[in-house]
N, C-alpha and C. Protein backbone atom coordinates (compact mmCIF):
# COMPACT_ATOMS: atom_id res chain seq x y z
N MET A 1 32.62 23.15 40.61
CA MET A 1 34.53 24.07 40.56
C MET A 1 34.40 24.84 41.39
N TYR A 2 35.72 25.20 41.91
CA TYR A 2 36.28 26.11 42.86
C TYR A 2 36.24 27.94 42.40
N LYS A 3 35.77 27.93 43.38
CA LYS A 3 35.57 29.39 43.12
C LYS A 3 36.85 30.60 44.43
N LEU A 4 37.52 31.13 44.00
CA LEU A 4 38.62 32.27 45.03
C LEU A 4 38.85 33.21 44.89
N TYR A 5 38.39 34.09 46.02
CA TYR A 5 38.61 35.28 46.05
C TYR A 5 40.04 35.54 46.45
N GLY A 6 40.47 36.34 45.75
CA GLY A 6 41.32 37.03 46.03
C GLY A 6 42.80 38.05 45.55
N SER A 7 43.62 37.92 45.53
CA SER A 7 44.47 39.35 45.56
C SER A 7 46.23 38.93 44.91
N LEU A 8 46.61 39.38 43.61
CA LEU A 8 47.42 38.65 42.89
C LEU A 8 48.83 39.10 43.66
N GLY A 9 49.48 37.95 44.32
CA GLY A 9 50.69 38.17 44.88
C GLY A 9 50.15 38.02 46.48
N ALA A 10 49.43 38.10 47.19
CA ALA A 10 48.93 38.24 48.29
C ALA A 10 48.63 36.59 48.58
N ALA A 11 47.80 37.05 50.60
CA ALA A 11 47.62 35.55 51.13
C ALA A 11 46.89 34.40 49.83
N SER A 12 46.60 34.81 49.11
CA SER A 12 46.02 33.65 48.25
C SER A 12 46.63 32.93 47.22
N LEU A 13 47.78 33.71 47.23
CA LEU A 13 48.60 32.85 46.38
C LEU A 13 48.75 31.64 46.27
N SER A 14 49.46 30.78 47.76
CA SER A 14 49.34 29.70 47.66
C SER A 14 48.16 28.66 47.56
N PRO A 15 46.63 28.75 47.97
CA PRO A 15 46.06 27.88 47.49
C PRO A 15 45.94 28.44 46.23
N GLN A 16 45.87 29.15 45.16
CA GLN A 16 45.93 29.03 44.08
C GLN A 16 46.69 28.36 42.97
N CYS A 17 48.09 28.37 44.08
CA CYS A 17 49.51 27.52 43.20
C CYS A 17 48.83 26.05 43.23
N VAL A 18 48.10 25.85 44.64
CA VAL A 18 47.42 23.96 44.41
C VAL A 18 46.83 24.00 43.38
N LEU A 19 45.92 25.07 43.07
CA LEU A 19 45.22 25.22 42.15
C LEU A 19 45.59 24.58 41.08
N GLU A 20 46.66 25.53 40.67
CA GLU A 20 47.18 25.58 39.79
C GLU A 20 47.58 24.32 39.46
N GLU A 21 48.46 23.85 39.96
CA GLU A 21 49.67 23.00 40.04
C GLU A 21 48.73 21.45 40.04
N SER A 22 47.64 21.63 40.23
CA SER A 22 46.46 20.40 40.44
C SER A 22 46.05 19.45 39.50
N GLY A 23 45.69 20.95 38.57
CA GLY A 23 45.12 21.69 37.51
C GLY A 23 43.31 21.22 37.50
N LEU A 24 42.96 21.22 39.09
CA LEU A 24 41.59 21.53 39.54
C LEU A 24 40.83 23.01 38.51
N PRO A 25 39.82 22.57 38.13
CA PRO A 25 38.69 23.60 37.10
C PRO A 25 39.01 24.49 38.86
N TYR A 26 39.27 25.15 38.14
CA TYR A 26 38.17 26.99 39.35
C TYR A 26 38.44 28.60 38.65
N GLU A 27 37.89 29.26 39.17
CA GLU A 27 37.48 30.62 38.88
C GLU A 27 38.14 31.30 40.12
N PHE A 28 39.24 32.87 39.34
CA PHE A 28 39.97 33.01 40.46
C PHE A 28 39.27 34.85 40.30
N ILE A 29 38.47 35.13 41.41
CA ILE A 29 38.01 36.46 41.00
C ILE A 29 38.54 37.65 41.93
N GLU A 30 39.41 38.45 41.28
CA GLU A 30 40.26 39.50 41.80
C GLU A 30 39.24 40.12 42.81
N VAL A 31 40.11 40.36 43.99
CA VAL A 31 39.96 41.13 44.98
C VAL A 31 40.62 42.34 45.42
N ASP A 32 40.49 43.37 44.96
CA ASP A 32 41.26 44.82 45.10
C ASP A 32 41.77 45.36 46.13
N ILE A 33 42.31 45.07 46.68
CA ILE A 33 42.88 45.17 48.16
C ILE A 33 43.23 46.01 48.89
N SER A 34 43.97 47.70 47.64
CA SER A 34 44.11 48.99 47.44
C SER A 34 42.76 49.13 46.96
N GLU A 35 41.64 48.70 46.65
CA GLU A 35 40.33 49.81 47.13
C GLU A 35 39.97 49.43 47.94
N ASP A 36 40.06 48.46 48.95
CA ASP A 36 39.59 47.82 49.88
C ASP A 36 38.27 47.32 49.92
N THR A 37 38.39 46.49 48.99
CA THR A 37 37.33 46.06 47.81
C THR A 37 36.66 44.50 49.03
N GLU A 38 37.99 44.51 50.08
CA GLU A 38 37.51 43.08 51.19
C GLU A 38 36.65 43.50 52.08
N ARG A 39 36.26 44.92 51.85
CA ARG A 39 35.53 45.85 52.68
C ARG A 39 34.19 45.85 52.51
N ASP A 40 33.79 45.33 51.20
CA ASP A 40 32.30 45.45 51.04
C ASP A 40 31.65 45.17 50.89
N PRO A 41 29.79 45.07 50.99
CA PRO A 41 29.37 44.63 51.74
C PRO A 41 28.50 42.86 51.28
N GLU A 42 28.72 43.15 50.04
CA GLU A 42 28.97 41.25 49.41
C GLU A 42 30.41 40.59 49.82
N TYR A 43 31.02 40.69 49.86
CA TYR A 43 32.49 40.44 49.91
C TYR A 43 31.98 39.41 51.44
N LEU A 44 31.77 41.19 52.09
CA LEU A 44 31.54 40.39 53.53
C LEU A 44 30.20 39.77 53.67
N LYS A 45 29.67 39.31 52.91
CA LYS A 45 28.43 38.08 52.90
C LYS A 45 29.37 37.13 52.73
N LEU A 46 29.94 36.99 51.76
CA LEU A 46 30.74 35.25 52.45
C LEU A 46 31.91 35.54 53.24
N ASN A 47 32.67 36.13 53.46
CA ASN A 47 33.99 36.20 54.46
C ASN A 47 33.22 37.30 55.71
N PRO A 48 32.60 37.54 56.32
CA PRO A 48 32.74 38.93 57.36
C PRO A 48 33.83 39.15 58.48
N HIS A 49 35.15 38.41 58.21
CA HIS A 49 36.42 38.63 58.57
C HIS A 49 36.94 39.48 57.69
N GLY A 50 36.52 40.00 56.64
CA GLY A 50 36.89 40.96 55.61
C GLY A 50 37.92 40.39 54.95
N ARG A 51 38.40 39.18 54.70
CA ARG A 51 40.29 38.78 54.50
C ARG A 51 40.34 37.75 53.61
N ILE A 52 41.34 38.09 52.60
CA ILE A 52 41.50 36.99 51.34
C ILE A 52 42.52 36.16 51.77
N PRO A 53 42.34 35.25 51.32
CA PRO A 53 41.61 34.21 50.00
C PRO A 53 40.00 34.11 51.13
N THR A 54 39.19 33.51 50.33
CA THR A 54 38.12 32.62 50.42
C THR A 54 37.66 31.93 49.16
N LEU A 55 37.05 30.65 49.32
CA LEU A 55 37.05 29.77 48.69
C LEU A 55 36.09 29.21 48.82
N ILE A 56 35.02 29.19 47.66
CA ILE A 56 33.71 28.97 47.68
C ILE A 56 33.70 27.73 47.03
N PHE A 57 33.09 26.70 47.75
CA PHE A 57 32.45 25.05 47.02
C PHE A 57 31.57 24.50 47.49
N GLU A 58 30.72 23.98 46.20
CA GLU A 58 29.48 22.40 46.97
C GLU A 58 28.89 23.52 47.95
N ASP A 59 28.68 25.19 47.99
CA ASP A 59 27.79 25.83 49.09
C ASP A 59 28.41 26.09 49.59
N GLN A 60 29.59 25.60 49.94
CA GLN A 60 30.32 26.19 51.46
C GLN A 60 31.79 27.54 51.73
N VAL A 61 32.08 27.90 52.45
CA VAL A 61 33.15 28.97 52.13
C VAL A 61 34.10 28.38 53.26
N MET A 62 34.96 28.44 52.84
CA MET A 62 36.23 28.55 53.75
C MET A 62 36.90 29.16 53.69
N ILE A 63 38.25 30.01 54.37
CA ILE A 63 38.58 30.85 54.54
C ILE A 63 39.98 30.04 55.13
N GLU A 64 41.19 31.61 55.27
CA GLU A 64 42.19 31.17 56.08
C GLU A 64 43.07 30.33 54.34
N SER A 65 44.58 31.21 54.20
CA SER A 65 45.43 30.44 53.36
C SER A 65 45.55 29.20 53.74
N ALA A 66 46.48 29.06 54.32
CA ALA A 66 46.90 27.71 55.16
C ALA A 66 45.78 25.94 54.93
N ALA A 67 44.77 26.67 55.68
CA ALA A 67 43.58 25.66 55.72
C ALA A 67 43.55 25.24 53.74
N ILE A 68 42.88 26.50 53.32
CA ILE A 68 42.26 25.83 52.07
C ILE A 68 43.55 25.30 51.33
N SER A 69 44.49 25.34 51.26
CA SER A 69 45.78 24.24 50.13
C SER A 69 45.62 23.65 51.10
N ILE A 70 45.63 22.92 52.62
CA ILE A 70 45.98 21.42 52.86
C ILE A 70 44.19 21.30 52.81
N TYR A 71 42.95 21.57 52.58
CA TYR A 71 42.26 21.03 52.60
C TYR A 71 42.07 20.33 51.18
N LEU A 72 42.73 21.57 49.85
CA LEU A 72 42.19 20.99 48.63
C LEU A 72 43.05 19.92 48.68
N ALA A 73 44.83 19.70 48.86
CA ALA A 73 45.71 18.69 48.72
C ALA A 73 44.78 17.21 49.80
N ASP A 74 44.39 17.25 50.89
CA ASP A 74 43.66 15.82 51.23
C ASP A 74 42.69 15.58 50.47
N LYS A 75 41.66 16.45 50.15
CA LYS A 75 40.56 16.42 49.65
C LYS A 75 40.81 15.33 47.85
N HIS A 76 42.24 15.65 47.25
CA HIS A 76 42.30 15.59 46.40
C HIS A 76 44.25 14.66 45.88
N LEU A 77 43.81 14.13 46.91
CA LEU A 77 45.57 13.20 46.92
C LEU A 77 46.74 14.55 46.02
N ILE A 78 46.67 15.35 46.53
CA ILE A 78 48.05 16.01 45.73
C ILE A 78 48.85 16.22 47.03
N HIS A 79 49.89 15.09 47.13
CA HIS A 79 51.25 14.68 48.11
C HIS A 79 51.96 14.58 47.51
N SER A 80 53.39 15.20 46.95
CA SER A 80 54.48 15.01 46.71
C SER A 80 55.45 14.24 47.44
């Protein structure tokens, strides 16, 4: 299962849409950017850049919205 760390309406929207439209199971973990949660030491362990989104899967970490969306589409052959 994928874990997507993001904030509603932010850069995490694109990979979240890919996950929703594909029907892939995932957990969305809200990162409150208004409270600087992305600067929390625990989050920085996942993404040292302190940005959203961050995708966790199979003990791997992926960052950057476009990279995540392209990876998901290619891996699961989601093309229109």
